[in-house]
Amino acid sequence: MRRLLTELLANLLDIRVVIGGLFAIYGVILTVVGIIDSPAARQKAQGVDINLWVGLVMLAFGLCFLFWSMLHPRHQVHEAEEPDED
């Protein structure tokens, strides 16, 4: 049980999962903001819905990192098990 918990925490703290999760969360937030932006906000960016486009790019980037971490998980290094003393 302890080994399973250690492996789970090690995989969750993999830098790819952290970076991918942050980019995905910020991407979702920016995408939603881009969808509900007012026309005045679009005019400030010369007619380009920058929040929507940057949000979609960040979301795609974050999902690529998360997919990469699932496709190629980090190599497990196990400690040498001590023999049982009877």
N, C-alpha and C. Protein backbone atom coordinates (compact mmCIF):
# COMPACT_ATOMS: atom_id res chain seq x y z
N MET A 1 0.83 -1.19 0.00
CA MET A 1 0.00 0.00 0.00
C MET A 1 0.87 1.26 0.00
N ARG A 2 1.94 1.24 0.80
CA ARG A 2 2.82 2.40 0.89
C ARG A 2 3.53 2.64 -0.44
N ARG A 3 3.95 1.58 -1.10
CA ARG A 3 4.63 1.72 -2.39
C ARG A 3 3.67 2.30 -3.43
N LEU A 4 2.42 1.86 -3.41
CA LEU A 4 1.43 2.36 -4.36
C LEU A 4 1.18 3.85 -4.14
N LEU A 5 1.09 4.26 -2.88
CA LEU A 5 0.89 5.66 -2.57
C LEU A 5 2.10 6.50 -2.99
N THR A 6 3.29 5.96 -2.76
CA THR A 6 4.50 6.67 -3.15
C THR A 6 4.58 6.84 -4.67
N GLU A 7 4.24 5.81 -5.42
CA GLU A 7 4.27 5.90 -6.88
C GLU A 7 3.22 6.86 -7.39
N LEU A 8 2.04 6.86 -6.76
CA LEU A 8 0.99 7.78 -7.17
C LEU A 8 1.41 9.22 -6.95
N LEU A 9 1.97 9.51 -5.78
CA LEU A 9 2.44 10.87 -5.50
C LEU A 9 3.59 11.27 -6.41
N ALA A 10 4.47 10.34 -6.70
CA ALA A 10 5.60 10.64 -7.59
C ALA A 10 5.10 10.99 -8.99
N ASN A 11 4.09 10.27 -9.48
CA ASN A 11 3.56 10.56 -10.80
C ASN A 11 2.78 11.87 -10.82
N LEU A 12 2.07 12.17 -9.73
CA LEU A 12 1.32 13.42 -9.68
C LEU A 12 2.24 14.63 -9.58
N LEU A 13 3.40 14.46 -8.98
CA LEU A 13 4.33 15.56 -8.84
C LEU A 13 5.35 15.62 -9.97
N ASP A 14 5.15 14.81 -11.00
CA ASP A 14 5.99 14.88 -12.18
C ASP A 14 5.83 16.28 -12.79
N ILE A 15 6.92 16.89 -13.20
CA ILE A 15 6.88 18.28 -13.66
C ILE A 15 5.97 18.45 -14.87
N ARG A 16 5.83 17.41 -15.68
CA ARG A 16 4.94 17.50 -16.85
C ARG A 16 3.49 17.62 -16.43
N VAL A 17 3.11 16.92 -15.35
CA VAL A 17 1.74 16.99 -14.87
C VAL A 17 1.46 18.37 -14.27
N VAL A 18 2.40 18.90 -13.52
CA VAL A 18 2.23 20.21 -12.90
C VAL A 18 2.11 21.30 -13.97
N ILE A 19 3.04 21.30 -14.93
CA ILE A 19 3.01 22.32 -15.98
C ILE A 19 1.77 22.15 -16.85
N GLY A 20 1.47 20.92 -17.23
CA GLY A 20 0.29 20.68 -18.05
C GLY A 20 -1.00 21.06 -17.36
N GLY A 21 -1.09 20.76 -16.07
CA GLY A 21 -2.30 21.12 -15.33
C GLY A 21 -2.48 22.62 -15.22
N LEU A 22 -1.39 23.34 -14.94
CA LEU A 22 -1.49 24.80 -14.84
C LEU A 22 -1.86 25.43 -16.18
N PHE A 23 -1.23 24.99 -17.24
CA PHE A 23 -1.56 25.54 -18.56
C PHE A 23 -3.00 25.21 -18.94
N ALA A 24 -3.47 24.01 -18.62
CA ALA A 24 -4.84 23.64 -18.96
C ALA A 24 -5.85 24.47 -18.17
N ILE A 25 -5.59 24.68 -16.88
CA ILE A 25 -6.51 25.48 -16.06
C ILE A 25 -6.56 26.92 -16.56
N TYR A 26 -5.39 27.53 -16.78
CA TYR A 26 -5.38 28.90 -17.29
C TYR A 26 -5.97 28.98 -18.69
N GLY A 27 -5.77 27.95 -19.48
CA GLY A 27 -6.35 27.93 -20.82
C GLY A 27 -7.86 27.90 -20.79
N VAL A 28 -8.42 27.11 -19.89
CA VAL A 28 -9.88 27.07 -19.76
C VAL A 28 -10.42 28.42 -19.30
N ILE A 29 -9.74 29.03 -18.33
CA ILE A 29 -10.19 30.33 -17.84
C ILE A 29 -10.15 31.38 -18.96
N LEU A 30 -9.05 31.44 -19.70
CA LEU A 30 -8.96 32.43 -20.78
C LEU A 30 -9.94 32.15 -21.91
N THR A 31 -10.20 30.88 -22.18
CA THR A 31 -11.16 30.54 -23.23
C THR A 31 -12.56 31.01 -22.84
N VAL A 32 -12.93 30.78 -21.59
CA VAL A 32 -14.25 31.23 -21.12
C VAL A 32 -14.33 32.75 -21.16
N VAL A 33 -13.28 33.42 -20.71
CA VAL A 33 -13.27 34.89 -20.76
C VAL A 33 -13.35 35.36 -22.21
N GLY A 34 -12.66 34.70 -23.10
CA GLY A 34 -12.71 35.07 -24.52
C GLY A 34 -14.08 34.88 -25.13
N ILE A 35 -14.82 33.88 -24.67
CA ILE A 35 -16.16 33.63 -25.19
C ILE A 35 -17.13 34.70 -24.72
N ILE A 36 -16.99 35.13 -23.46
CA ILE A 36 -17.96 36.10 -22.91
C ILE A 36 -17.46 37.54 -22.97
N ASP A 37 -16.36 37.80 -23.67
CA ASP A 37 -15.83 39.16 -23.81
C ASP A 37 -16.83 40.06 -24.51
N SER A 38 -16.77 41.33 -24.17
CA SER A 38 -17.63 42.33 -24.82
C SER A 38 -16.99 42.78 -26.14
N PRO A 39 -17.79 43.35 -27.00
CA PRO A 39 -17.23 43.88 -28.25
C PRO A 39 -16.18 44.97 -28.01
N ALA A 40 -16.30 45.71 -26.91
CA ALA A 40 -15.31 46.75 -26.61
C ALA A 40 -13.95 46.15 -26.33
N ALA A 41 -13.92 44.99 -25.68
CA ALA A 41 -12.65 44.32 -25.41
C ALA A 41 -12.01 43.85 -26.71
N ARG A 42 -12.83 43.42 -27.66
CA ARG A 42 -12.29 42.99 -28.95
C ARG A 42 -11.71 44.18 -29.73
N GLN A 43 -12.37 45.33 -29.61
CA GLN A 43 -11.88 46.51 -30.30
C GLN A 43 -10.53 46.98 -29.75
N LYS A 44 -10.30 46.76 -28.45
CA LYS A 44 -9.00 47.12 -27.87
C LYS A 44 -7.87 46.32 -28.49
N ALA A 45 -8.18 45.08 -28.91
CA ALA A 45 -7.18 44.21 -29.53
C ALA A 45 -7.28 44.24 -31.05
N GLN A 46 -7.77 45.33 -31.59
CA GLN A 46 -7.89 45.54 -33.04
C GLN A 46 -8.74 44.47 -33.71
N GLY A 47 -9.81 44.07 -33.02
CA GLY A 47 -10.77 43.14 -33.61
C GLY A 47 -10.43 41.67 -33.43
N VAL A 48 -9.32 41.37 -32.79
CA VAL A 48 -8.91 39.99 -32.57
C VAL A 48 -9.35 39.57 -31.16
N ASP A 49 -9.99 38.44 -31.05
CA ASP A 49 -10.40 37.93 -29.74
C ASP A 49 -9.21 37.21 -29.12
N ILE A 50 -8.29 38.00 -28.58
CA ILE A 50 -7.00 37.48 -28.12
C ILE A 50 -7.15 36.52 -26.95
N ASN A 51 -8.08 36.80 -26.04
CA ASN A 51 -8.26 35.90 -24.90
C ASN A 51 -8.70 34.51 -25.36
N LEU A 52 -9.58 34.47 -26.34
CA LEU A 52 -10.05 33.18 -26.84
C LEU A 52 -8.91 32.40 -27.51
N TRP A 53 -8.14 33.06 -28.37
CA TRP A 53 -7.08 32.36 -29.09
C TRP A 53 -5.95 31.93 -28.18
N VAL A 54 -5.53 32.81 -27.28
CA VAL A 54 -4.46 32.43 -26.36
C VAL A 54 -4.94 31.34 -25.41
N GLY A 55 -6.20 31.42 -24.98
CA GLY A 55 -6.76 30.38 -24.12
C GLY A 55 -6.78 29.02 -24.80
N LEU A 56 -7.17 28.99 -26.06
CA LEU A 56 -7.19 27.71 -26.79
C LEU A 56 -5.78 27.14 -26.98
N VAL A 57 -4.82 28.03 -27.25
CA VAL A 57 -3.44 27.57 -27.41
C VAL A 57 -2.90 27.03 -26.09
N MET A 58 -3.16 27.75 -25.00
CA MET A 58 -2.70 27.29 -23.69
C MET A 58 -3.36 25.97 -23.30
N LEU A 59 -4.64 25.83 -23.59
CA LEU A 59 -5.35 24.59 -23.30
C LEU A 59 -4.76 23.42 -24.09
N ALA A 60 -4.49 23.64 -25.37
CA ALA A 60 -3.89 22.59 -26.20
C ALA A 60 -2.50 22.22 -25.70
N PHE A 61 -1.71 23.23 -25.33
CA PHE A 61 -0.36 22.99 -24.81
C PHE A 61 -0.41 22.19 -23.52
N GLY A 62 -1.30 22.56 -22.61
CA GLY A 62 -1.44 21.85 -21.35
C GLY A 62 -1.90 20.42 -21.55
N LEU A 63 -2.86 20.21 -22.45
CA LEU A 63 -3.34 18.85 -22.72
C LEU A 63 -2.25 18.00 -23.37
N CYS A 64 -1.40 18.61 -24.19
CA CYS A 64 -0.27 17.87 -24.77
C CYS A 64 0.68 17.39 -23.68
N PHE A 65 0.97 18.25 -22.71
CA PHE A 65 1.83 17.86 -21.61
C PHE A 65 1.21 16.73 -20.79
N LEU A 66 -0.08 16.84 -20.50
CA LEU A 66 -0.75 15.80 -19.72
C LEU A 66 -0.79 14.48 -20.48
N PHE A 67 -1.06 14.56 -21.78
CA PHE A 67 -1.07 13.35 -22.61
C PHE A 67 0.32 12.73 -22.66
N TRP A 68 1.35 13.55 -22.77
CA TRP A 68 2.73 13.06 -22.79
C TRP A 68 3.07 12.35 -21.49
N SER A 69 2.65 12.90 -20.36
CA SER A 69 2.97 12.26 -19.09
C SER A 69 2.22 10.95 -18.92
N MET A 70 1.05 10.81 -19.53
CA MET A 70 0.32 9.53 -19.45
C MET A 70 0.89 8.52 -20.45
N LEU A 71 1.31 9.01 -21.60
CA LEU A 71 1.82 8.13 -22.64
C LEU A 71 3.19 7.54 -22.25
N HIS A 72 4.04 8.37 -21.67
CA HIS A 72 5.37 7.94 -21.24
C HIS A 72 5.58 8.29 -19.78
N PRO A 73 5.07 7.45 -18.88
CA PRO A 73 5.27 7.77 -17.46
C PRO A 73 6.74 7.67 -17.09
N ARG A 74 7.08 8.36 -16.03
CA ARG A 74 8.48 8.37 -15.62
C ARG A 74 8.89 6.97 -15.18
N HIS A 75 10.17 6.67 -15.28
CA HIS A 75 10.67 5.36 -14.89
C HIS A 75 10.67 5.23 -13.38
N GLN A 76 10.20 4.10 -12.92
CA GLN A 76 10.14 3.85 -11.48
C GLN A 76 11.47 3.31 -11.00
N VAL A 77 11.97 3.88 -9.94
CA VAL A 77 13.18 3.40 -9.30
C VAL A 77 12.77 2.87 -7.94
N HIS A 78 12.86 1.56 -7.79
CA HIS A 78 12.44 0.93 -6.54
C HIS A 78 13.64 0.73 -5.63
N GLU A 79 13.39 0.93 -4.37
CA GLU A 79 14.44 0.66 -3.39
C GLU A 79 14.60 -0.84 -3.26
N ALA A 80 15.80 -1.27 -2.95
CA ALA A 80 16.05 -2.69 -2.77
C ALA A 80 15.27 -3.18 -1.54
N GLU A 81 14.54 -4.22 -1.76
CA GLU A 81 13.75 -4.75 -0.64
C GLU A 81 14.64 -5.53 0.30
N GLU A 82 14.40 -5.34 1.56
CA GLU A 82 15.17 -6.05 2.56
C GLU A 82 14.59 -7.45 2.72
N PRO A 83 15.45 -8.45 2.91
CA PRO A 83 14.93 -9.81 3.08
C PRO A 83 14.19 -9.93 4.41
N ASP A 84 13.21 -10.79 4.42
CA ASP A 84 12.43 -11.03 5.64
C ASP A 84 13.29 -11.77 6.65
N GLU A 85 13.24 -11.32 7.86
CA GLU A 85 13.99 -12.00 8.93
C GLU A 85 13.00 -12.83 9.72
N ASP A 86 13.18 -14.12 9.71
CA ASP A 86 12.27 -15.02 10.44
C ASP A 86 12.83 -15.43 11.77
